N, C-alpha and C. Protein backbone atom coordinates (compact mmCIF):
# COMPACT_ATOMS: atom_id res chain seq x y z
N MET A 1 116.24 89.49 69.01
CA MET A 1 116.91 90.56 69.76
C MET A 1 118.35 91.41 69.35
N LYS A 2 118.63 92.19 69.83
CA LYS A 2 119.65 92.95 69.99
C LYS A 2 120.51 92.25 70.78
N ALA A 3 122.08 91.98 70.30
CA ALA A 3 122.82 92.00 71.33
C ALA A 3 122.89 93.10 72.20
N GLY A 4 123.35 92.98 73.16
CA GLY A 4 124.03 93.81 74.66
C GLY A 4 122.86 95.16 74.58
N VAL A 5 121.87 95.11 73.97
CA VAL A 5 120.71 96.00 74.67
C VAL A 5 119.73 95.52 76.03
N HIS A 6 119.82 94.55 76.27
CA HIS A 6 118.64 93.94 77.11
C HIS A 6 119.76 93.36 78.46
N PRO A 7 119.05 93.62 79.79
CA PRO A 7 120.16 93.39 80.81
C PRO A 7 120.06 91.83 80.93
N GLU A 8 121.14 91.20 81.93
CA GLU A 8 121.45 89.85 82.36
C GLU A 8 120.28 89.28 83.01
N TYR A 9 119.28 88.11 82.85
CA TYR A 9 118.77 87.96 83.40
C TYR A 9 119.00 86.95 83.86
N ARG A 10 119.37 86.60 85.57
CA ARG A 10 119.84 85.52 86.10
C ARG A 10 119.37 85.24 87.09
N GLU A 11 119.86 84.24 88.14
CA GLU A 11 119.06 83.86 89.79
C GLU A 11 119.88 85.04 90.01
N VAL A 12 118.56 85.06 91.34
CA VAL A 12 119.06 85.92 92.25
C VAL A 12 118.53 85.43 93.49
N LEU A 13 119.81 85.68 95.02
CA LEU A 13 118.39 85.55 95.87
C LEU A 13 118.13 86.51 96.94
N PHE A 14 116.94 86.10 97.27
CA PHE A 14 116.54 87.54 98.32
C PHE A 14 116.16 86.98 99.57
N GLN A 15 116.49 87.92 100.47
CA GLN A 15 116.62 87.66 102.10
C GLN A 15 115.69 88.93 102.54
N ASP A 16 114.57 87.89 103.43
CA ASP A 16 113.82 88.65 104.17
C ASP A 16 114.49 88.84 105.70
N LEU A 17 114.75 90.47 105.82
CA LEU A 17 115.51 91.18 106.61
C LEU A 17 114.70 90.67 108.25
N GLN A 18 113.34 90.30 108.22
CA GLN A 18 112.32 90.18 109.36
C GLN A 18 112.47 88.62 109.97
N THR A 19 112.55 87.93 108.81
CA THR A 19 112.56 86.35 109.25
C THR A 19 114.19 85.61 108.97
N GLY A 20 114.90 86.15 107.96
CA GLY A 20 115.97 85.44 107.53
C GLY A 20 115.45 84.79 106.36
N ALA A 21 114.50 84.66 106.22
CA ALA A 21 114.14 83.23 105.09
C ALA A 21 114.64 83.88 103.97
N LYS A 22 115.07 82.69 103.16
CA LYS A 22 116.15 82.85 101.52
C LYS A 22 115.10 82.13 100.71
N PHE A 23 115.44 82.94 99.33
CA PHE A 23 114.14 82.04 98.19
C PHE A 23 115.11 82.67 96.92
N ILE A 24 115.04 81.32 95.75
CA ILE A 24 116.30 81.88 95.07
C ILE A 24 114.93 82.02 93.30
N THR A 25 115.34 82.99 92.76
CA THR A 25 113.91 83.49 91.71
C THR A 25 115.31 83.96 90.22
N ARG A 26 114.80 84.68 89.44
CA ARG A 26 115.19 84.58 88.11
C ARG A 26 114.72 86.31 88.33
N SER A 27 116.04 87.22 87.79
CA SER A 27 115.80 88.71 88.00
C SER A 27 117.19 88.99 87.11
N THR A 28 116.17 90.33 87.02
CA THR A 28 117.02 90.98 85.91
C THR A 28 118.38 92.68 86.95
N LEU A 29 117.66 91.78 88.36
CA LEU A 29 118.44 93.19 89.60
C LEU A 29 120.04 92.93 89.72
N ASN A 30 120.24 94.56 89.68
CA ASN A 30 122.26 94.27 89.80
C ASN A 30 122.71 94.32 91.27
N SER A 31 123.56 93.81 91.77
CA SER A 31 123.67 93.67 93.59
C SER A 31 124.93 93.97 93.40
N ARG A 32 125.06 94.63 94.10
CA ARG A 32 126.91 95.12 94.87
C ARG A 32 127.10 93.52 95.68
N GLU A 33 126.34 93.06 96.67
CA GLU A 33 126.59 92.19 96.85
C GLU A 33 126.28 90.86 96.90
N SER A 34 127.10 89.61 97.21
CA SER A 34 126.69 88.13 96.60
C SER A 34 126.96 87.56 97.71
N ILE A 35 126.48 86.14 97.89
CA ILE A 35 126.37 85.10 99.01
C ILE A 35 126.05 83.50 97.99
N GLU A 36 127.08 82.99 99.18
CA GLU A 36 127.11 81.40 98.84
C GLU A 36 126.30 80.86 99.54
N PHE A 37 125.16 80.05 98.59
CA PHE A 37 123.92 79.51 99.28
C PHE A 37 123.80 78.06 98.80
N GLU A 38 123.61 76.95 99.27
CA GLU A 38 123.26 75.83 98.87
C GLU A 38 124.57 75.27 97.33
N GLY A 39 126.12 76.03 98.39
CA GLY A 39 127.14 75.81 97.23
C GLY A 39 127.48 75.88 96.50
N LYS A 40 126.44 77.33 95.67
CA LYS A 40 126.66 78.36 94.45
C LYS A 40 126.32 79.70 94.74
N THR A 41 126.98 80.53 94.32
CA THR A 41 127.20 82.02 94.49
C THR A 41 126.28 82.53 93.86
N TYR A 42 125.46 83.65 94.67
CA TYR A 42 124.38 84.25 94.06
C TYR A 42 124.57 85.78 94.29
N PRO A 43 124.11 86.73 93.41
CA PRO A 43 123.96 87.96 93.99
C PRO A 43 122.84 88.26 94.74
N LEU A 44 122.95 88.88 96.33
CA LEU A 44 121.88 88.97 97.09
C LEU A 44 120.85 90.42 96.94
N PHE A 45 119.79 90.13 97.31
CA PHE A 45 119.00 91.18 97.18
C PHE A 45 118.01 91.39 98.68
N LYS A 46 118.44 92.25 99.82
CA LYS A 46 117.98 92.00 101.56
C LYS A 46 116.43 92.74 101.05
N CYS A 47 115.30 92.45 101.68
CA CYS A 47 113.84 93.00 101.15
C CYS A 47 113.80 92.52 102.75
N ASP A 48 113.53 93.98 103.30
CA ASP A 48 112.52 94.36 104.54
C ASP A 48 111.42 93.46 104.33
N VAL A 49 110.23 93.82 103.72
CA VAL A 49 109.31 92.73 103.34
C VAL A 49 109.19 91.95 102.51
N THR A 50 108.83 90.00 102.81
CA THR A 50 107.94 89.46 102.35
C THR A 50 107.13 88.92 102.36
N SER A 51 106.39 87.79 101.35
CA SER A 51 105.40 87.02 101.87
C SER A 51 105.38 86.48 103.46
N GLU A 52 107.13 85.68 103.85
CA GLU A 52 107.15 85.23 104.97
C GLU A 52 106.76 86.00 105.96
N SER A 53 106.54 87.47 105.60
CA SER A 53 106.68 88.52 107.16
C SER A 53 105.82 89.61 106.82
N HIS A 54 104.82 89.55 106.26
CA HIS A 54 104.05 90.11 105.84
C HIS A 54 102.22 90.23 106.53
N PRO A 55 102.03 90.55 107.60
CA PRO A 55 100.65 90.34 107.94
C PRO A 55 99.68 89.89 106.69
N PHE A 56 99.71 90.01 105.74
CA PHE A 56 98.72 89.88 105.09
C PHE A 56 98.40 88.66 104.43
N TYR A 57 99.65 88.19 104.57
CA TYR A 57 100.40 86.86 103.68
C TYR A 57 100.08 85.69 105.39
N THR A 58 100.41 86.23 106.60
CA THR A 58 100.77 85.45 108.09
C THR A 58 99.59 85.27 108.02
N GLY A 59 98.65 86.00 108.04
CA GLY A 59 97.03 85.82 108.99
C GLY A 59 97.11 86.44 110.12
N ALA A 60 98.63 87.72 110.74
CA ALA A 60 98.62 88.03 111.78
C ALA A 60 97.82 89.40 111.62
N GLN A 61 97.06 90.03 110.37
CA GLN A 61 96.78 91.03 110.09
C GLN A 61 95.50 91.46 110.99
N THR A 62 95.14 92.34 112.13
CA THR A 62 94.18 92.50 112.94
C THR A 62 93.33 93.37 112.02
N ARG A 63 92.58 93.13 112.52
CA ARG A 63 91.18 93.45 111.74
C ARG A 63 90.18 94.71 112.40
N ILE A 64 90.30 95.36 111.61
CA ILE A 64 89.78 97.20 112.65
C ILE A 64 88.25 97.10 112.21
N VAL A 65 87.56 96.94 113.63
CA VAL A 65 85.99 97.41 113.14
C VAL A 65 85.60 98.72 112.55
N GLU A 66 84.96 98.87 111.57
CA GLU A 66 84.68 99.52 111.25
C GLU A 66 83.32 100.62 110.80
N THR A 67 83.14 101.52 111.78
CA THR A 67 81.59 101.99 111.92
C THR A 67 81.49 103.24 110.99
N GLY A 68 80.00 102.97 110.23
CA GLY A 68 79.58 103.84 109.27
C GLY A 68 79.98 105.09 109.34
N ARG A 69 79.64 105.70 108.66
CA ARG A 69 79.67 107.72 109.03
C ARG A 69 79.16 108.05 109.50
N VAL A 70 77.51 107.75 109.76
CA VAL A 70 76.65 108.22 110.35
C VAL A 70 76.95 107.87 112.21
N GLU A 71 77.79 106.70 112.42
CA GLU A 71 77.96 106.74 113.56
C GLU A 71 79.34 107.18 113.72
N LYS A 72 80.18 107.51 113.11
CA LYS A 72 80.98 108.30 113.43
C LYS A 72 81.25 109.65 114.03
N PHE A 73 79.62 110.01 112.93
CA PHE A 73 79.63 111.50 113.02
C PHE A 73 78.69 111.67 114.81
N ARG A 74 77.84 110.98 115.25
CA ARG A 74 77.51 110.98 116.10
C ARG A 74 78.15 110.60 117.51
N ALA A 75 79.17 110.03 116.50
CA ALA A 75 79.87 110.11 118.44
C ALA A 75 80.73 111.17 118.60
N ARG A 76 81.65 111.44 117.52
CA ARG A 76 81.94 113.27 117.59
C ARG A 76 81.02 113.97 118.04
N PHE A 77 80.41 114.20 117.44
CA PHE A 77 79.15 115.58 117.92
C PHE A 77 78.67 115.19 119.07
N ALA A 78 78.64 113.88 119.79
CA ALA A 78 77.32 113.59 120.96
C ALA A 78 77.60 114.51 122.06
N THR A 79 78.60 115.51 122.19
CA THR A 79 78.80 116.16 122.96
C THR A 79 78.24 117.44 122.69
N THR A 80 78.45 118.06 121.63
CA THR A 80 77.81 118.99 121.44
C THR A 80 76.10 119.24 120.77
N SER A 81 75.78 117.73 121.16
CA SER A 81 73.88 117.35 120.75
C SER A 81 73.42 117.99 121.76
N ALA A 82 73.86 117.50 123.24
CA ALA A 82 73.26 118.38 124.72
C ALA A 82 72.99 119.53 124.39
N VAL A 83 73.53 120.73 123.82
CA VAL A 83 73.49 122.05 124.23
C VAL A 83 72.54 122.10 122.97
N LYS A 84 71.47 122.77 123.44
CA LYS A 84 69.98 122.92 121.94
C LYS A 84 70.06 124.38 122.39
N PRO A 85 69.96 124.94 120.75
CA PRO A 85 70.00 126.28 120.57
C PRO A 85 68.65 126.98 121.35
N ALA A 86 68.79 127.80 121.29
CA ALA A 86 67.54 128.77 122.87
C ALA A 86 66.36 128.66 121.42
N ALA A 87 66.24 128.69 120.27
CA ALA A 87 65.06 128.90 119.64
C ALA A 87 64.52 127.65 119.87
N VAL A 88 64.85 126.12 119.98
CA VAL A 88 64.42 125.20 120.03
C VAL A 88 63.84 125.10 121.62
N VAL A 89 64.55 125.67 122.79
CA VAL A 89 64.04 125.91 123.70
C VAL A 89 63.18 126.40 124.01
N ALA A 90 62.44 127.55 123.40
CA ALA A 90 61.57 128.07 123.61
C ALA A 90 60.39 127.85 122.96
N GLU A 91 60.60 127.35 122.07
CA GLU A 91 59.42 126.16 121.37
C GLU A 91 58.84 125.21 122.08
N THR A 92 59.85 124.48 123.23
CA THR A 92 59.69 123.35 123.50
C THR A 92 58.81 123.62 125.16
N LYS A 93 58.96 124.80 125.52
CA LYS A 93 58.16 125.56 126.80
C LYS A 93 57.21 125.48 126.57
N PRO A 94 56.20 125.45 127.95
CA PRO A 94 54.80 125.66 127.97
C PRO A 94 54.45 127.00 127.60
N ALA A 95 53.36 127.40 127.41
CA ALA A 95 52.91 128.82 127.30
C ALA A 95 52.27 128.93 128.88
N ALA A 96 53.16 130.49 129.36
CA ALA A 96 52.89 130.70 131.12
C ALA A 96 51.49 131.17 130.66
N GLU A 97 50.43 130.70 131.74
CA GLU A 97 48.88 131.26 131.67
C GLU A 97 48.93 132.63 132.84
């Protein structure tokens, strides 16, 4: 490997802003902020969402009951289906004698 080409790979502290959870992992991330954690200073990266707060991982995800395309179509046009075209009405009437 060439010297001076690759970014520094070091331990970085990630903090979840929603839950306050902190975890350390290795990264090449550059950060202007640093924090002392467990007696050692780490670069700090603040995350909006992590596995600690994302609904998919926490199980707080709400299930949406989806109906099929035909049911959605029928529900949307249910009010207009009550009005029948004049040609259909004329065919269904009994002939006057």
